Amino acid sequence: MEKESLKFLYTTYRRYWLLLVVALCGSLLESASMAGLAYIIKNVVDDVFVEKSYEKLVFIIFVLIGIAAAKQIGFFLKNYFYPVVIYRALKMLREKIYHRVVEAKPSVFRKQPPGDIISRATTDVERFGEISSTIGTNLITETFTVIGIVGVLIYRDWKMFLIFVLIVPLLAFALQYFGEKRKKYSKKLQESFSQYIQHLNQLIGGIEVVKLFHKKIFYRYFGKVNEELFKRQKKNRFYETVYLSSVEIIAYTATAGIIFYGGSRIIKGEITPGDFFSFLGGVLILVNSLQTLQRGAINLKALSPVVDRIKYLLSLPVEENKGKKFKGLKKQISFVNLSVKIDHNLILDEINFTVKKGEKVGIVGATGSGKSTLVKILPALITEYSGKVMIDDTELREFSVFSLREKIGMVSQEVFIFNDTLRNNLLIAKPDATDEELMEALKKAKADFVFKLEDGLDTVLGEKGSRLSGGERQRISIARIFLKNPDILIFDEATSALDVETEEYIMEEIGKYFKDKTALIITHRLKLLEITDRIIVMENGRIVEEGTKEELIQKKGVFYRFSVISNS
């Protein structure tokens, strides 16, 4: 799995190779400076402290200043340019994820909780950047430092270096054991963060429900999620800390052995104090570098589950813009033996009916009868169906999704308003619309309230249109349809939040403006059915009646009972 993580790192960062080379040069310069410091310790001890040479002292001071300057130049190049690379990579990742989510098949959002998607796109991406930072600059710098210091140590005294080599298997064991533990709990920790974000997302989205009912159940669930998050954070930190402590113990034990062995050799006159302190200084630098390397290796294991969660988003199935271009309805739409089953639940069962071009068809039925599912098939918001939907002589799935949606307009009971200006909330229907066209569409939707907004079209409407009432949001949604002027219209309880007078005005405008257009109208209000040519009545996912309003009332069947209830 670490190989996959490294491969993902490589493909993510390779396009920024020039900046990486600059950061790499900085790492090399810093590493060389560290090796130089270890090497010069011998001269400081033997030439200055033992021989007491003033000339050599001055020379060494200049050398030390040069080394320090080189180290800081390297430090700047590494610690500025590499983070810039990471920021650019994260920007690119966020863009890819955003585009993937926007282009994802609608079925994705019925199966995956929104909070989990948000968690992956935010927390996991930032975590990826944090781990990349520790792996990148530190691993590169410390790798070069280790190579340089090992060279100095072998040059100074290969016998003492053998003592240090003996600890490598112990360090490798510590890395393997604690690395796997860190990987395990890193995955669990990211899952807990995802649950936490999911719960907050649901809580804020349904805050009115929370306020109206008992809060105890919410506190109880949050307490459970928060406690689990705490436990996993604690476990993750425990194994990281114990690992670092074990490495410290191993390293200092080896250092003690080197001091004992080196001290004995100084006493015997086999090496000079300068050789020993140069070696010891190199060992201390090497131990620190190895610790950093091993932390990076452990982080690499922790990176695996994070990469997996990001790759999931980057591999979301997307809608493909392939197939025939839909240029508009010429004759009719036919639903032939149409059935929809979602998660083993039969929503639509053998639906058969035809809508002719220019016809206005009303769709009525009790809640849960399948009305909304039926109309969502036309703009390909639901694609999991059996049977056929023929648009003229072509099956729906043979058309490109995007060309279909260009010609279909839908107003739903659940209106979504972006936390943006009124202008931008309208321009999603027609990006090149002029202010005059926007105002005209608002007038047709009887959205007179917008003329009282403090900034007019540039007024920010708030999260989900929080500054507006339900009826005002619906009128903006209807204004979008007037702007788009689609070939096929779908109204799904589009006027449910409007008063009778406003509703009648808007429906009259719709009748005039879209008189030649094909429309499917779902409603519980019988008044709206007066503009329809025909009505189909649905019950339990099937069409049980079909005809004009007068014909259905005369039958005294399901529609008749529905009309009696609606009028009572």
Protein backbone atom coordinates (compact mmCIF):
# COMPACT_ATOMS: atom_id res chain seq x y z
CA MET A 1 0.00 0.00 0.00
CA GLU A 2 2.93 2.34 0.70
CA LYS A 3 3.98 1.86 -2.94
CA GLU A 4 0.57 3.10 -4.06
CA SER A 5 0.90 6.09 -1.74
CA LEU A 6 4.35 6.91 -3.15
CA LYS A 7 3.00 6.55 -6.67
CA PHE A 8 0.17 8.94 -5.84
CA LEU A 9 2.68 11.39 -4.34
CA TYR A 10 4.80 11.18 -7.47
CA THR A 11 1.92 11.74 -9.90
CA THR A 12 0.61 14.62 -7.76
CA TYR A 13 3.90 16.52 -7.48
CA ARG A 14 5.80 15.69 -10.66
CA ARG A 15 4.37 18.62 -12.65
CA TYR A 16 6.11 20.98 -10.20
CA TRP A 17 9.52 19.43 -10.81
CA LEU A 18 11.34 22.77 -11.30
CA LEU A 19 10.31 24.07 -7.87
CA LEU A 20 11.13 20.66 -6.42
CA VAL A 21 14.64 20.87 -7.88
CA VAL A 22 15.12 24.27 -6.16
CA ALA A 23 13.92 22.77 -2.85
CA LEU A 24 16.17 19.76 -3.44
CA CYS A 25 19.19 22.03 -3.94
CA GLY A 26 18.31 23.67 -0.63
CA SER A 27 18.17 20.26 1.05
CA LEU A 28 21.54 19.31 -0.41
CA LEU A 29 23.07 22.57 0.77
CA GLU A 30 21.64 22.17 4.27
CA SER A 31 22.75 18.53 4.48
CA ALA A 32 26.26 19.36 3.28
CA SER A 33 26.45 22.08 5.95
CA MET A 34 25.48 19.60 8.67
CA ALA A 35 28.14 17.15 7.48
CA GLY A 36 30.64 20.03 7.36
CA LEU A 37 29.87 20.94 10.99
CA ALA A 38 30.48 17.36 12.10
CA TYR A 39 33.73 17.23 10.13
CA ILE A 40 35.15 20.54 11.47
CA ILE A 41 34.65 19.61 15.15
CA LYS A 42 38.01 17.74 15.03
CA ASN A 43 39.80 20.92 13.96
CA VAL A 44 38.07 22.95 16.68
CA VAL A 45 39.15 20.52 19.41
CA ASP A 46 42.66 19.57 18.19
CA ASP A 47 43.82 22.81 16.53
CA VAL A 48 42.21 25.34 18.89
CA PHE A 49 41.70 23.74 22.29
CA VAL A 50 44.70 21.37 22.24
CA GLU A 51 47.28 23.22 20.07
CA LYS A 52 45.91 26.68 21.08
CA SER A 53 46.53 28.18 17.60
CA TYR A 54 45.07 31.70 17.20
CA GLU A 55 45.46 31.69 13.40
CA LYS A 56 43.55 28.41 13.09
CA LEU A 57 40.87 29.77 15.45
CA VAL A 58 40.28 32.76 13.15
CA PHE A 59 40.19 30.48 10.11
CA ILE A 60 37.72 28.09 11.75
CA ILE A 61 35.44 30.99 12.78
CA PHE A 62 35.23 32.14 9.13
CA VAL A 63 34.59 28.57 8.04
CA LEU A 64 31.81 28.20 10.66
CA ILE A 65 30.19 31.47 9.52
CA GLY A 66 30.34 30.24 5.91
CA ILE A 67 28.80 26.90 6.86
CA ALA A 68 26.07 28.65 8.88
CA ALA A 69 25.28 30.98 5.96
CA ALA A 70 25.14 28.06 3.52
CA LYS A 71 22.87 26.14 5.90
CA GLN A 72 20.42 29.07 6.18
CA ILE A 73 20.34 29.54 2.40
CA GLY A 74 19.56 25.86 2.05
CA PHE A 75 16.97 26.11 4.82
CA PHE A 76 15.19 28.97 3.04
CA LEU A 77 15.16 27.26 -0.35
CA LYS A 78 13.82 24.06 1.17
CA ASN A 79 11.29 25.54 3.58
CA TYR A 80 9.82 28.07 1.18
CA PHE A 81 9.73 26.37 -2.21
CA TYR A 82 8.64 22.93 -1.07
CA PRO A 83 5.55 24.24 0.81
CA VAL A 84 4.71 26.29 -2.30
CA VAL A 85 4.76 23.02 -4.25
CA ILE A 86 2.42 21.47 -1.68
CA TYR A 87 0.03 24.43 -1.81
CA ARG A 88 -0.10 24.22 -5.60
CA ALA A 89 -0.69 20.48 -5.48
CA LEU A 90 -3.50 20.90 -2.92
CA LYS A 91 -5.06 23.60 -5.08
CA MET A 92 -4.96 21.21 -8.03
CA LEU A 93 -6.38 18.35 -5.93
CA ARG A 94 -9.23 20.52 -4.68
CA GLU A 95 -10.02 21.53 -8.27
CA LYS A 96 -10.02 17.91 -9.44
CA ILE A 97 -12.24 16.80 -6.56
CA TYR A 98 -14.63 19.72 -7.08
CA HIS A 99 -14.99 18.95 -10.79
CA ARG A 100 -15.40 15.26 -10.02
CA VAL A 101 -18.17 15.94 -7.51
CA VAL A 102 -19.95 18.32 -9.89
CA GLU A 103 -19.73 15.83 -12.76
CA ALA A 104 -20.51 12.74 -10.65
CA LYS A 105 -23.50 10.59 -11.45
CA PRO A 106 -26.55 11.54 -9.35
CA SER A 107 -26.70 8.00 -7.93
CA VAL A 108 -23.43 8.70 -6.06
CA PHE A 109 -25.17 11.15 -3.74
CA ARG A 110 -27.94 8.72 -2.92
CA LYS A 111 -25.40 6.15 -1.74
CA GLN A 112 -22.70 8.30 -0.11
CA PRO A 113 -23.49 10.61 2.83
CA PRO A 114 -22.72 14.27 1.95
CA GLY A 115 -20.78 14.68 5.20
CA ASP A 116 -18.39 11.90 4.20
CA ILE A 117 -17.75 13.50 0.82
CA ILE A 118 -17.12 16.86 2.50
CA SER A 119 -14.76 15.23 5.02
CA ARG A 120 -12.73 13.57 2.26
CA ALA A 121 -12.59 16.80 0.24
CA THR A 122 -11.47 18.94 3.20
CA THR A 123 -9.97 17.12 6.19
CA ASP A 124 -8.31 14.38 4.14
CA VAL A 125 -6.89 16.76 1.55
CA GLU A 126 -5.40 18.98 4.27
CA ARG A 127 -4.05 15.91 6.08
CA PHE A 128 -2.47 14.80 2.81
CA GLY A 129 -0.71 18.18 2.60
CA GLU A 130 0.52 17.97 6.21
CA ILE A 131 1.96 14.48 5.80
CA SER A 132 3.46 15.36 2.40
CA SER A 133 5.23 18.26 4.07
CA THR A 134 6.85 16.06 6.73
CA ILE A 135 7.72 13.36 4.23
CA GLY A 136 9.07 15.64 1.53
CA THR A 137 11.54 18.19 2.86
CA ASN A 138 12.49 16.26 5.97
CA LEU A 139 13.05 12.96 4.20
CA ILE A 140 15.07 14.55 1.41
CA THR A 141 17.20 16.66 3.75
CA GLU A 142 17.73 13.95 6.32
CA THR A 143 18.53 11.32 3.69
CA PHE A 144 21.33 13.49 2.34
CA THR A 145 22.39 14.34 5.89
CA VAL A 146 22.58 10.64 6.82
CA ILE A 147 24.66 9.89 3.71
CA GLY A 148 27.03 12.78 4.44
CA ILE A 149 27.38 12.02 8.16
CA VAL A 150 27.90 8.28 7.57
CA GLY A 151 30.75 9.20 5.22
CA VAL A 152 32.31 11.43 7.90
CA LEU A 153 31.92 8.74 10.61
CA ILE A 154 33.48 6.00 8.51
CA TYR A 155 36.32 8.33 7.57
CA ARG A 156 36.92 9.26 11.24
CA ASP A 157 36.73 5.76 12.75
CA TRP A 158 35.05 2.79 11.07
CA LYS A 159 35.45 0.62 14.18
CA MET A 160 33.34 2.92 16.33
CA PHE A 161 30.84 3.16 13.48
CA LEU A 162 30.26 -0.60 13.69
CA ILE A 163 28.75 -0.07 17.18
CA PHE A 164 26.18 2.27 15.67
CA VAL A 165 25.39 -0.22 12.89
CA LEU A 166 24.31 -2.77 15.53
CA ILE A 167 21.27 -0.64 16.45
CA VAL A 168 19.86 -0.56 12.88
CA PRO A 169 17.88 -3.87 13.21
CA LEU A 170 16.32 -2.59 16.44
CA LEU A 171 15.32 0.67 14.78
CA ALA A 172 13.88 -1.28 11.82
CA PHE A 173 11.80 -3.44 14.18
CA ALA A 174 10.48 -0.36 15.99
CA LEU A 175 9.58 1.23 12.66
CA GLN A 176 7.72 -1.86 11.42
CA TYR A 177 5.74 -2.48 14.61
CA PHE A 178 4.75 1.09 15.44
CA GLY A 179 4.37 2.03 11.79
CA GLU A 180 1.65 -0.57 11.30
CA LYS A 181 -0.09 0.60 14.49
CA ARG A 182 0.03 4.20 13.27
CA LYS A 183 -1.36 3.18 9.88
CA LYS A 184 -4.26 1.34 11.53
CA TYR A 185 -5.24 4.17 13.85
CA SER A 186 -4.66 6.84 11.22
CA LYS A 187 -7.34 5.18 9.11
CA LYS A 188 -9.70 4.96 12.08
CA LEU A 189 -8.99 8.57 12.98
CA GLN A 190 -9.91 9.82 9.50
CA GLU A 191 -13.12 7.76 9.65
CA SER A 192 -13.98 9.37 13.00
CA PHE A 193 -13.37 12.85 11.60
CA SER A 194 -15.68 11.93 8.71
CA GLN A 195 -18.45 10.84 11.12
CA TYR A 196 -17.99 14.03 13.11
CA ILE A 197 -18.35 16.23 10.00
CA GLN A 198 -21.32 14.18 8.77
CA HIS A 199 -23.14 14.73 12.06
CA LEU A 200 -22.43 18.48 12.09
CA ASN A 201 -23.58 18.71 8.48
CA GLN A 202 -26.86 16.97 9.31
CA LEU A 203 -27.35 18.96 12.50
CA ILE A 204 -26.94 22.35 10.82
CA GLY A 205 -29.02 21.29 7.81
CA GLY A 206 -31.87 20.21 10.07
CA ILE A 207 -31.47 22.77 12.87
CA GLU A 208 -35.17 23.67 12.81
CA VAL A 209 -36.11 20.05 13.49
CA VAL A 210 -33.50 19.92 16.25
CA LYS A 211 -35.02 23.00 17.86
CA LEU A 212 -38.56 21.64 17.70
CA PHE A 213 -37.88 18.22 19.23
CA HIS A 214 -35.97 16.80 22.18
CA LYS A 215 -32.24 17.51 21.92
CA LYS A 216 -31.21 14.64 24.19
CA ILE A 217 -30.86 12.15 21.34
CA PHE A 218 -28.60 14.57 19.43
CA TYR A 219 -26.37 15.14 22.44
CA ARG A 220 -26.20 11.39 22.99
CA TYR A 221 -25.17 10.65 19.41
CA PHE A 222 -22.67 13.52 19.36
CA GLY A 223 -21.18 12.32 22.65
CA LYS A 224 -20.65 8.87 21.14
CA VAL A 225 -19.00 10.25 17.97
CA ASN A 226 -16.86 12.73 19.93
CA GLU A 227 -15.73 10.07 22.43
CA GLU A 228 -14.71 7.73 19.61
CA LEU A 229 -12.78 10.54 17.94
CA PHE A 230 -11.00 11.29 21.22
CA LYS A 231 -10.06 7.64 21.79
CA ARG A 232 -8.62 7.27 18.31
CA GLN A 233 -6.66 10.50 18.61
CA LYS A 234 -5.28 9.25 21.92
CA LYS A 235 -4.30 5.85 20.49
CA ASN A 236 -2.70 7.47 17.45
CA ARG A 237 -0.62 9.78 19.65
CA PHE A 238 0.24 6.93 22.09
CA TYR A 239 1.88 4.76 19.44
CA GLU A 240 3.72 7.72 17.92
CA THR A 241 5.06 8.79 21.33
CA VAL A 242 6.06 5.28 22.43
CA TYR A 243 7.81 4.81 19.11
CA LEU A 244 9.81 8.01 19.52
CA SER A 245 10.70 7.06 23.11
CA SER A 246 11.90 3.61 22.05
CA VAL A 247 14.06 5.14 19.35
CA GLU A 248 15.53 7.58 21.88
CA ILE A 249 16.38 4.71 24.27
CA ILE A 250 18.00 2.68 21.49
CA ALA A 251 19.94 5.68 20.18
CA TYR A 252 21.23 6.84 23.56
CA THR A 253 22.22 3.29 24.51
CA ALA A 254 24.30 3.12 21.35
CA THR A 255 25.73 6.59 22.05
CA ALA A 256 26.72 5.46 25.58
CA GLY A 257 28.53 2.48 24.06
CA ILE A 258 30.34 4.75 21.61
CA ILE A 259 31.39 7.13 24.41
CA PHE A 260 32.71 4.21 26.48
CA TYR A 261 34.59 2.66 23.56
CA GLY A 262 35.86 6.00 22.24
CA GLY A 263 36.92 7.17 25.71
CA SER A 264 38.91 3.96 26.16
CA ARG A 265 40.71 4.53 22.87
CA ILE A 266 41.54 8.15 23.77
CA ILE A 267 43.04 6.94 27.06
CA LYS A 268 45.11 4.40 25.14
CA GLY A 269 46.26 7.12 22.70
CA GLU A 270 44.73 5.37 19.64
CA ILE A 271 42.69 8.47 18.62
CA THR A 272 42.77 12.18 19.40
CA PRO A 273 40.05 13.99 21.37
CA GLY A 274 39.23 15.84 18.14
CA ASP A 275 38.59 12.57 16.31
CA PHE A 276 36.32 11.41 19.11
CA PHE A 277 34.27 14.60 19.47
CA SER A 278 33.97 14.90 15.71
CA PHE A 279 32.68 11.33 15.63
CA LEU A 280 30.36 11.90 18.62
CA GLY A 281 28.95 15.10 17.11
CA GLY A 282 28.31 13.23 13.88
CA VAL A 283 26.54 10.42 15.78
CA LEU A 284 24.23 12.89 17.52
CA ILE A 285 23.37 14.52 14.20
CA LEU A 286 22.88 11.07 12.65
CA VAL A 287 20.57 9.92 15.45
CA ASN A 288 18.42 13.01 15.01
CA SER A 289 18.34 12.54 11.25
CA LEU A 290 17.41 8.85 11.56
CA GLN A 291 14.60 9.74 13.96
CA THR A 292 13.25 12.22 11.46
CA LEU A 293 13.56 9.66 8.67
CA GLN A 294 11.71 7.06 10.68
CA ARG A 295 8.98 9.54 11.61
CA GLY A 296 8.64 10.21 7.89
CA ALA A 297 8.45 6.48 7.19
CA ILE A 298 5.74 6.10 9.84
CA ASN A 299 3.90 9.06 8.36
CA LEU A 300 4.12 7.36 4.99
CA LYS A 301 2.18 4.45 6.48
CA ALA A 302 -0.33 6.91 7.97
CA LEU A 303 -0.63 8.47 4.51
CA SER A 304 -2.01 5.29 2.92
CA PRO A 305 -5.58 5.51 4.30
CA VAL A 306 -5.67 9.25 3.55
CA VAL A 307 -4.63 8.63 -0.06
CA ASP A 308 -7.26 5.89 -0.35
CA ARG A 309 -9.99 8.28 0.78
CA ILE A 310 -8.88 10.98 -1.65
CA LYS A 311 -8.55 8.51 -4.52
CA TYR A 312 -12.13 7.42 -3.85
CA LEU A 313 -13.31 10.96 -4.65
CA LEU A 314 -11.07 11.20 -7.70
CA SER A 315 -12.56 7.96 -9.04
CA LEU A 316 -16.23 8.82 -8.52
CA PRO A 317 -18.19 7.63 -11.57
CA VAL A 318 -18.95 10.67 -13.71
CA GLU A 319 -21.53 11.46 -16.33
CA GLU A 320 -20.07 11.20 -19.80
CA ASN A 321 -21.06 13.65 -22.50
CA LYS A 322 -21.47 11.06 -25.18
CA GLY A 323 -24.35 10.00 -27.39
CA LYS A 324 -26.65 11.82 -29.75
CA LYS A 325 -27.30 15.51 -29.24
CA PHE A 326 -30.87 16.21 -28.22
CA LYS A 327 -32.12 19.11 -30.36
CA GLY A 328 -35.62 19.30 -29.01
CA LEU A 329 -38.83 17.29 -28.95
CA LYS A 330 -40.45 16.77 -32.36
CA LYS A 331 -43.31 14.33 -31.74
CA GLN A 332 -43.72 12.72 -28.34
CA ILE A 333 -42.26 11.18 -25.19
CA SER A 334 -43.23 7.56 -24.52
CA PHE A 335 -42.71 5.66 -21.25
CA VAL A 336 -42.71 1.96 -22.10
CA ASN A 337 -42.83 -0.70 -19.35
CA LEU A 338 -40.83 1.67 -17.15
CA SER A 339 -39.80 0.32 -13.73
CA VAL A 340 -37.42 1.71 -11.11
CA LYS A 341 -35.96 -0.24 -8.23
CA ILE A 342 -33.62 1.51 -5.78
CA ASP A 343 -31.98 -0.52 -2.99
CA HIS A 344 -34.43 -3.40 -3.57
CA ASN A 345 -37.34 -0.98 -3.21
CA LEU A 346 -39.69 -0.95 -6.21
CA ILE A 347 -40.50 2.74 -6.80
CA LEU A 348 -42.11 2.55 -10.27
CA ASP A 349 -43.81 -0.54 -11.63
CA GLU A 350 -44.55 -1.00 -15.35
CA ILE A 351 -45.36 2.61 -16.25
CA ASN A 352 -46.82 3.13 -19.73
CA PHE A 353 -48.03 6.47 -21.11
CA THR A 354 -47.25 9.00 -23.83
CA VAL A 355 -46.89 12.78 -23.81
CA LYS A 356 -47.29 14.53 -27.15
CA LYS A 357 -45.27 17.58 -28.13
CA GLY A 358 -46.87 20.73 -26.69
CA GLU A 359 -49.12 18.74 -24.35
CA LYS A 360 -49.48 19.72 -20.68
CA VAL A 361 -49.87 16.62 -18.51
CA GLY A 362 -50.77 16.78 -14.84
CA ILE A 363 -49.49 14.09 -12.47
CA VAL A 364 -51.28 13.55 -9.17
CA GLY A 365 -51.15 10.94 -6.44
CA ALA A 366 -50.50 10.42 -2.79
CA THR A 367 -47.08 11.04 -1.24
CA GLY A 368 -44.78 8.13 -2.09
CA SER A 369 -46.63 7.12 -5.23
CA GLY A 370 -43.53 7.66 -7.41
CA LYS A 371 -44.40 10.98 -9.10
CA SER A 372 -41.07 12.73 -8.47
CA THR A 373 -39.07 9.64 -9.43
CA LEU A 374 -40.96 9.49 -12.73
CA VAL A 375 -40.19 13.06 -13.78
CA LYS A 376 -36.55 12.91 -12.62
CA ILE A 377 -35.88 10.24 -15.24
CA LEU A 378 -36.25 12.69 -18.14
CA PRO A 379 -33.29 14.96 -17.17
CA ALA A 380 -31.30 11.81 -16.24
CA LEU A 381 -31.28 12.58 -12.51
CA ILE A 382 -32.33 8.95 -12.09
CA THR A 383 -30.82 6.49 -14.56
CA GLU A 384 -31.42 3.18 -12.78
CA TYR A 385 -34.52 2.08 -14.67
CA SER A 386 -35.69 -0.86 -16.75
CA GLY A 387 -37.95 -0.54 -19.76
CA LYS A 388 -37.68 2.36 -22.17
CA VAL A 389 -38.17 6.11 -22.32
CA MET A 390 -38.54 7.01 -25.98
CA ILE A 391 -38.04 10.61 -27.03
CA ASP A 392 -39.42 10.60 -30.54
CA ASP A 393 -37.68 7.53 -32.04
CA THR A 394 -34.65 7.50 -29.72
CA GLU A 395 -34.27 5.91 -26.29
CA LEU A 396 -33.38 8.43 -23.58
CA ARG A 397 -30.05 6.80 -22.71
CA GLU A 398 -28.80 7.24 -26.27
CA PHE A 399 -28.78 11.03 -25.88
CA SER A 400 -25.90 12.91 -24.28
CA VAL A 401 -26.88 13.89 -20.74
CA PHE A 402 -25.79 17.51 -21.11
CA SER A 403 -27.75 18.11 -24.31
CA LEU A 404 -30.88 16.70 -22.64
CA ARG A 405 -30.57 19.04 -19.68
CA GLU A 406 -30.05 22.04 -21.96
CA LYS A 407 -33.55 21.47 -23.32
CA ILE A 408 -35.27 20.47 -20.05
CA GLY A 409 -36.23 22.83 -17.26
CA MET A 410 -37.30 21.64 -13.83
CA VAL A 411 -38.73 23.47 -10.84
CA SER A 412 -38.82 21.38 -7.67
CA GLN A 413 -40.53 21.86 -4.35
CA GLU A 414 -37.05 21.76 -2.79
CA VAL A 415 -35.54 24.96 -4.15
CA PHE A 416 -31.82 25.41 -3.72
CA ILE A 417 -30.44 28.93 -3.44
CA PHE A 418 -26.67 29.37 -3.33
CA ASN A 419 -24.99 31.64 -0.80
CA ASP A 420 -24.28 34.11 -3.56
CA THR A 421 -25.85 37.14 -5.20
CA LEU A 422 -29.35 37.10 -6.65
CA ARG A 423 -27.74 37.78 -10.04
CA ASN A 424 -25.56 34.65 -9.92
CA ASN A 425 -28.48 32.58 -8.65
CA LEU A 426 -30.32 33.53 -11.83
CA LEU A 427 -27.38 33.36 -14.25
CA ILE A 428 -27.03 29.61 -13.67
CA ALA A 429 -30.06 29.36 -15.97
CA LYS A 430 -28.62 31.64 -18.65
CA PRO A 431 -25.01 32.79 -18.06
CA ASP A 432 -25.11 35.48 -20.78
CA ALA A 433 -28.43 37.03 -19.71
CA THR A 434 -28.60 40.82 -19.52
CA ASP A 435 -29.92 42.71 -16.50
CA GLU A 436 -33.06 43.50 -18.51
CA GLU A 437 -33.66 39.79 -19.14
CA LEU A 438 -33.12 39.01 -15.46
CA MET A 439 -35.62 41.67 -14.41
CA GLU A 440 -38.17 40.47 -16.96
CA ALA A 441 -37.91 36.90 -15.71
CA LEU A 442 -38.36 38.09 -12.11
CA LYS A 443 -41.46 40.04 -13.09
CA LYS A 444 -42.98 37.01 -14.81
CA ALA A 445 -42.33 35.00 -11.63
CA LYS A 446 -43.93 37.86 -9.63
CA ALA A 447 -40.74 38.19 -7.59
CA ASP A 448 -41.51 41.85 -6.80
CA PHE A 449 -39.72 41.57 -3.46
CA VAL A 450 -36.31 41.71 -5.19
CA PHE A 451 -36.84 45.38 -6.04
CA LYS A 452 -36.78 46.15 -2.32
CA LEU A 453 -33.47 44.39 -1.66
CA GLU A 454 -30.73 46.77 -0.55
CA ASP A 455 -28.28 45.83 -3.31
CA GLY A 456 -30.78 44.73 -5.93
CA LEU A 457 -29.42 41.97 -8.14
CA ASP A 458 -26.13 42.03 -6.22
CA THR A 459 -27.74 41.21 -2.88
CA VAL A 460 -26.27 38.06 -1.29
CA LEU A 461 -29.15 35.74 -0.44
CA GLY A 462 -27.51 33.71 2.34
CA GLU A 463 -26.95 29.99 2.86
CA LYS A 464 -29.76 28.12 1.04
CA GLY A 465 -31.48 31.49 0.60
CA SER A 466 -31.83 32.01 4.36
CA ARG A 467 -32.75 35.68 3.82
CA LEU A 468 -35.81 34.68 1.80
CA SER A 469 -39.12 33.03 2.61
CA GLY A 470 -40.12 29.70 1.09
CA GLY A 471 -42.40 31.44 -1.42
CA GLU A 472 -39.67 33.92 -2.42
CA ARG A 473 -37.24 31.07 -3.04
CA GLN A 474 -39.79 29.32 -5.25
CA ARG A 475 -40.36 32.48 -7.29
CA ILE A 476 -36.61 32.77 -7.95
CA SER A 477 -36.62 29.14 -9.05
CA ILE A 478 -39.51 29.84 -11.44
CA ALA A 479 -37.67 32.94 -12.74
CA ARG A 480 -34.81 30.62 -13.70
CA ILE A 481 -37.19 28.64 -15.92
CA PHE A 482 -38.36 31.80 -17.69
CA LEU A 483 -34.70 32.64 -18.34
CA LYS A 484 -33.79 29.17 -19.57
CA ASN A 485 -36.87 28.86 -21.81
CA PRO A 486 -36.54 25.07 -22.14
CA ASP A 487 -38.20 22.78 -24.66
CA ILE A 488 -39.65 20.48 -21.97
CA LEU A 489 -40.83 21.74 -18.59
CA ILE A 490 -41.19 19.83 -15.34
CA PHE A 491 -42.98 21.32 -12.35
CA ASP A 492 -42.75 19.25 -9.17
CA GLU A 493 -44.94 21.01 -6.58
CA ALA A 494 -43.34 24.20 -7.94
CA THR A 495 -45.88 26.55 -6.35
CA SER A 496 -46.52 24.75 -3.05
CA ALA A 497 -45.26 27.69 -0.96
CA LEU A 498 -47.16 30.40 -2.86
CA ASP A 499 -50.44 32.04 -1.97
CA VAL A 500 -53.39 31.46 -4.31
CA GLU A 501 -53.25 34.89 -5.97
CA THR A 502 -49.52 34.69 -6.73
CA GLU A 503 -49.87 31.10 -7.89
CA GLU A 504 -52.67 31.96 -10.34
CA TYR A 505 -50.68 34.90 -11.73
CA ILE A 506 -47.56 32.78 -12.27
CA MET A 507 -49.46 29.88 -13.83
CA GLU A 508 -51.15 32.31 -16.20
CA GLU A 509 -47.71 33.63 -17.21
CA ILE A 510 -46.42 30.08 -17.63
CA GLY A 511 -49.46 29.21 -19.76
CA LYS A 512 -48.84 32.19 -22.07
CA TYR A 513 -45.03 32.07 -22.20
CA PHE A 514 -44.77 28.30 -22.63
CA LYS A 515 -47.99 27.68 -24.55
CA ASP A 516 -46.25 25.62 -27.23
CA LYS A 517 -43.95 23.76 -24.83
CA THR A 518 -44.36 20.27 -23.41
CA ALA A 519 -44.91 20.15 -19.66
CA LEU A 520 -45.27 17.62 -16.85
CA ILE A 521 -46.91 19.17 -13.80
CA ILE A 522 -46.95 17.46 -10.41
CA THR A 523 -49.30 19.15 -7.97
CA HIS A 524 -51.71 18.61 -5.10
CA ARG A 525 -53.60 21.76 -6.04
CA LEU A 526 -56.52 21.07 -8.36
CA LYS A 527 -56.60 24.69 -9.58
CA LEU A 528 -53.28 24.19 -11.37
CA LEU A 529 -54.68 21.23 -13.29
CA GLU A 530 -56.91 23.60 -15.26
CA ILE A 531 -54.01 24.42 -17.59
CA THR A 532 -53.37 20.71 -18.29
CA ASP A 533 -54.69 18.78 -21.28
CA ARG A 534 -54.66 15.46 -19.47
CA ILE A 535 -54.06 14.01 -16.01
CA ILE A 536 -52.48 10.74 -14.91
CA VAL A 537 -53.13 9.42 -11.44
CA MET A 538 -50.46 7.37 -9.66
CA GLU A 539 -50.72 4.99 -6.74
CA ASN A 540 -48.01 2.69 -5.34
CA GLY A 541 -45.72 3.27 -8.32
CA ARG A 542 -48.35 2.53 -10.96
CA ILE A 543 -50.68 4.58 -13.16
CA VAL A 544 -54.21 3.76 -12.01
CA GLU A 545 -56.21 6.39 -13.92
CA GLU A 546 -55.77 8.65 -16.93
CA GLY A 547 -57.95 11.30 -18.60
CA THR A 548 -59.10 14.90 -18.46
CA LYS A 549 -60.10 16.48 -15.17
CA GLU A 550 -63.81 16.18 -16.01
CA GLU A 551 -63.51 12.56 -17.15
CA LEU A 552 -61.70 11.52 -13.98
CA ILE A 553 -64.21 13.24 -11.73
CA GLN A 554 -67.06 11.46 -13.52
CA LYS A 555 -65.36 8.09 -12.92
CA LYS A 556 -65.48 8.74 -9.17
CA GLY A 557 -62.34 6.71 -8.68
CA VAL A 558 -58.98 7.54 -7.10
CA PHE A 559 -58.82 11.07 -8.57
CA TYR A 560 -62.35 11.82 -7.41
CA ARG A 561 -61.46 10.83 -3.84
CA PHE A 562 -58.26 12.87 -4.14
CA SER A 563 -60.21 15.95 -5.33
CA VAL A 564 -62.73 15.63 -2.51
CA ILE A 565 -59.92 15.51 0.07
CA SER A 566 -58.13 18.45 -1.59
CA ASN A 567 -61.26 20.60 -1.57
CA SER A 568 -62.23 19.76 1.99
